[in-house]
Amino acid sequence: MLGANMTGHQKLKPLVIGRSKNPRCFKGAKSLEVDYDFNKKSWMTSEICKKWVQKLDKRIIAECRKIALVFDKCPAHPKEINQKLKNVTVFYLLPNTTTKVQPMD
């Protein structure tokens, strides 16, 4: 998952989802420039998404800021998440919007 503000000068750490709890490629790494989570199929799940957004909310609270996130209608994006957040508001695109707003090559 990637996230940035509208101008692109503030970027969130990418969320990378893998299969292994402790991938060999991370062995010996002191820190990562990404947030990492895992599950059997390397897919986004509602639990991973919820955990990531709640962690982001804590960071935004500490920075005394408020932000809005825009999610598409992926089933892994939990619908009830706004009730648990203080400084992050999640908005959802209407169905079939993603394909209409993506640029064509």
Foldseek 3Di string as FASTA:
>chain_A
DWDAPPVRPGTDAAEFEEADPDDPVCPPPPDDSHHYYYHNVRDQALVNQLVVVQVVLVVCVVVVAAEEAEAEPPPRPDPVSQVVHDRYHYHYDDPPVVVVPDDDD
